[in-house]
Structures are given as structure tokens and as C-alpha cells.
Amino acid sequence: MKNEKVAIERIALAKKNRSSSLDLSGLGLTNIPVDLSDMIYLRDINLSNNKLIVFPDDIKYLHNLYYLDISHNYLRDV
């Protein structure tokens, strides 16, 4: 639960600053706790080293995304 709170805080800060990058790596997340679909300004997201099983659907809306690291997860289908 602590790591989910860290993820929520990082996402909120990225939204506030309209950051072009978001690092949620190594938090052991099983899902992304906040909707990212409105963060169209994101250019890179690091989701590596988590426990994601399902690819986060919100990412398909991030048309400016250039780099996505989803390595070291448990994804079955992308």
C-alpha cells in the first residue's frame, strides 16, 4: 500500500508540473492506481520492475509517448 501511495504522489506531481517523464519503476505495482489518459504531454514512462499482469489501457491515449519501459513485469499480452 505504501508503494501505491508513492505512485499516486509521483503521478500527481507529474500532472501538476506537466512533466514529460514519469518513473513508476520498482514499486511492485499490480496496476496503475491513477488514470493516465489525460497526461498527453508524457514522452516517457518507466514501469519496469513491477508486478503488472495486464497492460495499462490508459497508455494507448498517450500519443506523444516516445519511450515506454515495461520490462521485468508479468505481462501476458501487450
N, C-alpha and C. Protein backbone atom coordinates (compact mmCIF):
# COMPACT_ATOMS: atom_id res chain seq x y z
N MET A 1 0.82 -1.20 0.00
CA MET A 1 0.00 0.00 0.00
C MET A 1 0.86 1.26 0.00
N LYS A 2 1.99 1.20 0.67
CA LYS A 2 2.89 2.36 0.72
C LYS A 2 3.39 2.72 -0.68
N ASN A 3 3.73 1.69 -1.45
CA ASN A 3 4.24 1.94 -2.80
C ASN A 3 3.17 2.50 -3.72
N GLU A 4 1.92 2.10 -3.51
CA GLU A 4 0.82 2.67 -4.30
C GLU A 4 0.69 4.15 -3.98
N LYS A 5 0.87 4.53 -2.73
CA LYS A 5 0.81 5.94 -2.33
C LYS A 5 1.95 6.72 -2.99
N VAL A 6 3.12 6.12 -3.06
CA VAL A 6 4.26 6.76 -3.74
C VAL A 6 3.92 6.97 -5.21
N ALA A 7 3.32 5.97 -5.84
CA ALA A 7 2.95 6.09 -7.25
C ALA A 7 1.94 7.22 -7.45
N ILE A 8 0.94 7.29 -6.58
CA ILE A 8 -0.08 8.34 -6.68
C ILE A 8 0.56 9.71 -6.52
N GLU A 9 1.49 9.84 -5.60
CA GLU A 9 2.18 11.12 -5.40
C GLU A 9 3.02 11.50 -6.61
N ARG A 10 3.72 10.52 -7.19
CA ARG A 10 4.54 10.81 -8.38
C ARG A 10 3.67 11.22 -9.56
N ILE A 11 2.54 10.55 -9.72
CA ILE A 11 1.63 10.90 -10.81
C ILE A 11 1.06 12.29 -10.60
N ALA A 12 0.64 12.60 -9.38
CA ALA A 12 0.09 13.93 -9.08
C ALA A 12 1.11 15.02 -9.35
N LEU A 13 2.36 14.79 -8.97
CA LEU A 13 3.41 15.77 -9.20
C LEU A 13 3.66 15.94 -10.70
N ALA A 14 3.68 14.84 -11.43
CA ALA A 14 3.88 14.91 -12.88
C ALA A 14 2.74 15.66 -13.55
N LYS A 15 1.52 15.44 -13.08
CA LYS A 15 0.36 16.16 -13.64
C LYS A 15 0.46 17.65 -13.33
N LYS A 16 0.81 17.97 -12.10
CA LYS A 16 0.92 19.37 -11.67
C LYS A 16 1.96 20.11 -12.50
N ASN A 17 3.11 19.46 -12.72
CA ASN A 17 4.21 20.10 -13.45
C ASN A 17 4.17 19.85 -14.95
N ARG A 18 3.17 19.08 -15.40
CA ARG A 18 3.08 18.70 -16.82
C ARG A 18 4.42 18.13 -17.29
N SER A 19 4.96 17.24 -16.48
CA SER A 19 6.25 16.62 -16.76
C SER A 19 6.17 15.78 -18.02
N SER A 20 7.29 15.69 -18.69
CA SER A 20 7.33 14.86 -19.90
C SER A 20 7.72 13.42 -19.57
N SER A 21 8.14 13.16 -18.33
CA SER A 21 8.50 11.80 -17.97
C SER A 21 7.87 11.43 -16.63
N LEU A 22 7.69 10.11 -16.47
CA LEU A 22 7.09 9.58 -15.25
C LEU A 22 7.81 8.28 -14.91
N ASP A 23 8.33 8.19 -13.69
CA ASP A 23 9.05 6.99 -13.25
C ASP A 23 8.25 6.31 -12.15
N LEU A 24 7.70 5.16 -12.48
CA LEU A 24 6.98 4.33 -11.51
C LEU A 24 7.66 2.98 -11.38
N SER A 25 8.94 2.94 -11.66
CA SER A 25 9.68 1.67 -11.63
C SER A 25 9.93 1.20 -10.20
N GLY A 26 10.00 -0.12 -10.06
CA GLY A 26 10.40 -0.72 -8.80
C GLY A 26 9.45 -0.56 -7.64
N LEU A 27 8.20 -0.26 -7.89
CA LEU A 27 7.24 -0.05 -6.81
C LEU A 27 6.40 -1.28 -6.51
N GLY A 28 6.57 -2.33 -7.28
CA GLY A 28 5.79 -3.54 -7.05
C GLY A 28 4.32 -3.40 -7.38
N LEU A 29 4.00 -2.49 -8.28
CA LEU A 29 2.60 -2.22 -8.62
C LEU A 29 1.98 -3.37 -9.41
N THR A 30 0.73 -3.70 -9.09
CA THR A 30 -0.01 -4.69 -9.86
C THR A 30 -0.92 -4.00 -10.88
N ASN A 31 -1.14 -2.72 -10.70
CA ASN A 31 -1.86 -1.88 -11.66
C ASN A 31 -1.44 -0.44 -11.45
N ILE A 32 -1.82 0.41 -12.37
CA ILE A 32 -1.53 1.83 -12.24
C ILE A 32 -2.69 2.45 -11.48
N PRO A 33 -2.43 3.06 -10.32
CA PRO A 33 -3.52 3.48 -9.43
C PRO A 33 -4.29 4.73 -9.86
N VAL A 34 -3.81 5.41 -10.89
CA VAL A 34 -4.46 6.65 -11.33
C VAL A 34 -4.58 6.61 -12.86
N ASP A 35 -5.66 7.16 -13.37
CA ASP A 35 -5.86 7.25 -14.82
C ASP A 35 -4.80 8.18 -15.43
N LEU A 36 -4.07 7.67 -16.39
CA LEU A 36 -3.02 8.45 -17.05
C LEU A 36 -3.46 9.02 -18.39
N SER A 37 -4.66 8.71 -18.84
CA SER A 37 -5.07 9.05 -20.20
C SER A 37 -5.06 10.54 -20.51
N ASP A 38 -5.17 11.39 -19.51
CA ASP A 38 -5.16 12.84 -19.74
C ASP A 38 -3.74 13.43 -19.74
N MET A 39 -2.74 12.60 -19.52
CA MET A 39 -1.36 13.08 -19.46
C MET A 39 -0.71 12.99 -20.85
N ILE A 40 -1.34 13.63 -21.82
CA ILE A 40 -0.91 13.51 -23.22
C ILE A 40 0.45 14.14 -23.49
N TYR A 41 0.97 14.88 -22.55
CA TYR A 41 2.27 15.53 -22.69
C TYR A 41 3.42 14.58 -22.32
N LEU A 42 3.12 13.41 -21.77
CA LEU A 42 4.18 12.47 -21.40
C LEU A 42 4.92 11.96 -22.61
N ARG A 43 6.25 11.94 -22.52
CA ARG A 43 7.08 11.41 -23.60
C ARG A 43 7.72 10.09 -23.20
N ASP A 44 7.93 9.88 -21.91
CA ASP A 44 8.48 8.59 -21.50
C ASP A 44 7.93 8.18 -20.13
N ILE A 45 7.71 6.87 -20.02
CA ILE A 45 7.21 6.28 -18.78
C ILE A 45 8.05 5.05 -18.48
N ASN A 46 8.47 4.96 -17.24
CA ASN A 46 9.21 3.78 -16.79
C ASN A 46 8.32 3.02 -15.81
N LEU A 47 7.86 1.84 -16.24
CA LEU A 47 7.04 0.96 -15.42
C LEU A 47 7.77 -0.34 -15.12
N SER A 48 9.07 -0.34 -15.29
CA SER A 48 9.85 -1.58 -15.11
C SER A 48 9.86 -2.03 -13.66
N ASN A 49 10.15 -3.31 -13.49
CA ASN A 49 10.32 -3.91 -12.15
C ASN A 49 9.10 -3.73 -11.26
N ASN A 50 7.94 -4.02 -11.83
CA ASN A 50 6.69 -4.02 -11.07
C ASN A 50 6.09 -5.42 -11.18
N LYS A 51 4.82 -5.54 -10.88
CA LYS A 51 4.14 -6.83 -10.95
C LYS A 51 2.91 -6.74 -11.85
N LEU A 52 3.02 -5.93 -12.89
CA LEU A 52 1.89 -5.74 -13.80
C LEU A 52 1.61 -7.04 -14.55
N ILE A 53 0.35 -7.42 -14.60
CA ILE A 53 -0.08 -8.60 -15.34
C ILE A 53 -0.80 -8.17 -16.61
N VAL A 54 -1.56 -7.10 -16.52
CA VAL A 54 -2.34 -6.58 -17.64
C VAL A 54 -1.72 -5.26 -18.08
N PHE A 55 -1.55 -5.11 -19.39
CA PHE A 55 -1.00 -3.86 -19.92
C PHE A 55 -1.95 -2.71 -19.60
N PRO A 56 -1.45 -1.59 -19.04
CA PRO A 56 -2.30 -0.46 -18.68
C PRO A 56 -2.98 0.15 -19.90
N ASP A 57 -4.29 0.05 -19.95
CA ASP A 57 -5.08 0.50 -21.10
C ASP A 57 -4.94 2.00 -21.35
N ASP A 58 -4.73 2.79 -20.30
CA ASP A 58 -4.64 4.25 -20.44
C ASP A 58 -3.51 4.69 -21.35
N ILE A 59 -2.51 3.88 -21.48
CA ILE A 59 -1.31 4.26 -22.24
C ILE A 59 -1.61 4.44 -23.73
N LYS A 60 -2.64 3.79 -24.23
CA LYS A 60 -2.96 3.92 -25.65
C LYS A 60 -3.38 5.35 -26.02
N TYR A 61 -3.73 6.16 -25.05
CA TYR A 61 -4.14 7.54 -25.31
C TYR A 61 -2.97 8.52 -25.31
N LEU A 62 -1.80 8.07 -24.96
CA LEU A 62 -0.63 8.95 -24.84
C LEU A 62 0.10 9.02 -26.17
N HIS A 63 -0.40 9.82 -27.06
CA HIS A 63 0.09 9.89 -28.44
C HIS A 63 1.49 10.48 -28.57
N ASN A 64 1.96 11.18 -27.56
CA ASN A 64 3.31 11.75 -27.61
C ASN A 64 4.36 10.86 -26.97
N LEU A 65 3.94 9.69 -26.52
CA LEU A 65 4.84 8.78 -25.84
C LEU A 65 5.90 8.26 -26.81
N TYR A 66 7.14 8.43 -26.41
CA TYR A 66 8.27 8.03 -27.23
C TYR A 66 8.98 6.81 -26.64
N TYR A 67 9.01 6.71 -25.33
CA TYR A 67 9.74 5.64 -24.64
C TYR A 67 8.86 5.05 -23.56
N LEU A 68 8.73 3.74 -23.55
CA LEU A 68 7.97 3.02 -22.55
C LEU A 68 8.77 1.80 -22.11
N ASP A 69 9.11 1.75 -20.83
CA ASP A 69 9.84 0.60 -20.30
C ASP A 69 8.88 -0.21 -19.44
N ILE A 70 8.54 -1.40 -19.93
CA ILE A 70 7.66 -2.30 -19.19
C ILE A 70 8.39 -3.61 -18.87
N SER A 71 9.70 -3.56 -18.90
CA SER A 71 10.49 -4.76 -18.64
C SER A 71 10.33 -5.22 -17.19
N HIS A 72 10.57 -6.49 -16.99
CA HIS A 72 10.55 -7.11 -15.66
C HIS A 72 9.20 -6.95 -14.96
N ASN A 73 8.15 -7.31 -15.69
CA ASN A 73 6.79 -7.39 -15.17
C ASN A 73 6.27 -8.79 -15.48
N TYR A 74 5.00 -9.02 -15.26
CA TYR A 74 4.40 -10.33 -15.52
C TYR A 74 3.36 -10.21 -16.62
N LEU A 75 3.57 -9.36 -17.59
CA LEU A 75 2.60 -9.12 -18.65
C LEU A 75 2.44 -10.37 -19.51
N ARG A 76 1.20 -10.71 -19.78
CA ARG A 76 0.89 -11.86 -20.63
C ARG A 76 0.67 -11.44 -22.07
N ASP A 77 0.18 -10.22 -22.25
CA ASP A 77 -0.17 -9.75 -23.58
C ASP A 77 0.03 -8.24 -23.65
N VAL A 78 0.59 -7.79 -24.75
CA VAL A 78 0.77 -6.34 -24.94
C VAL A 78 0.09 -5.96 -26.24
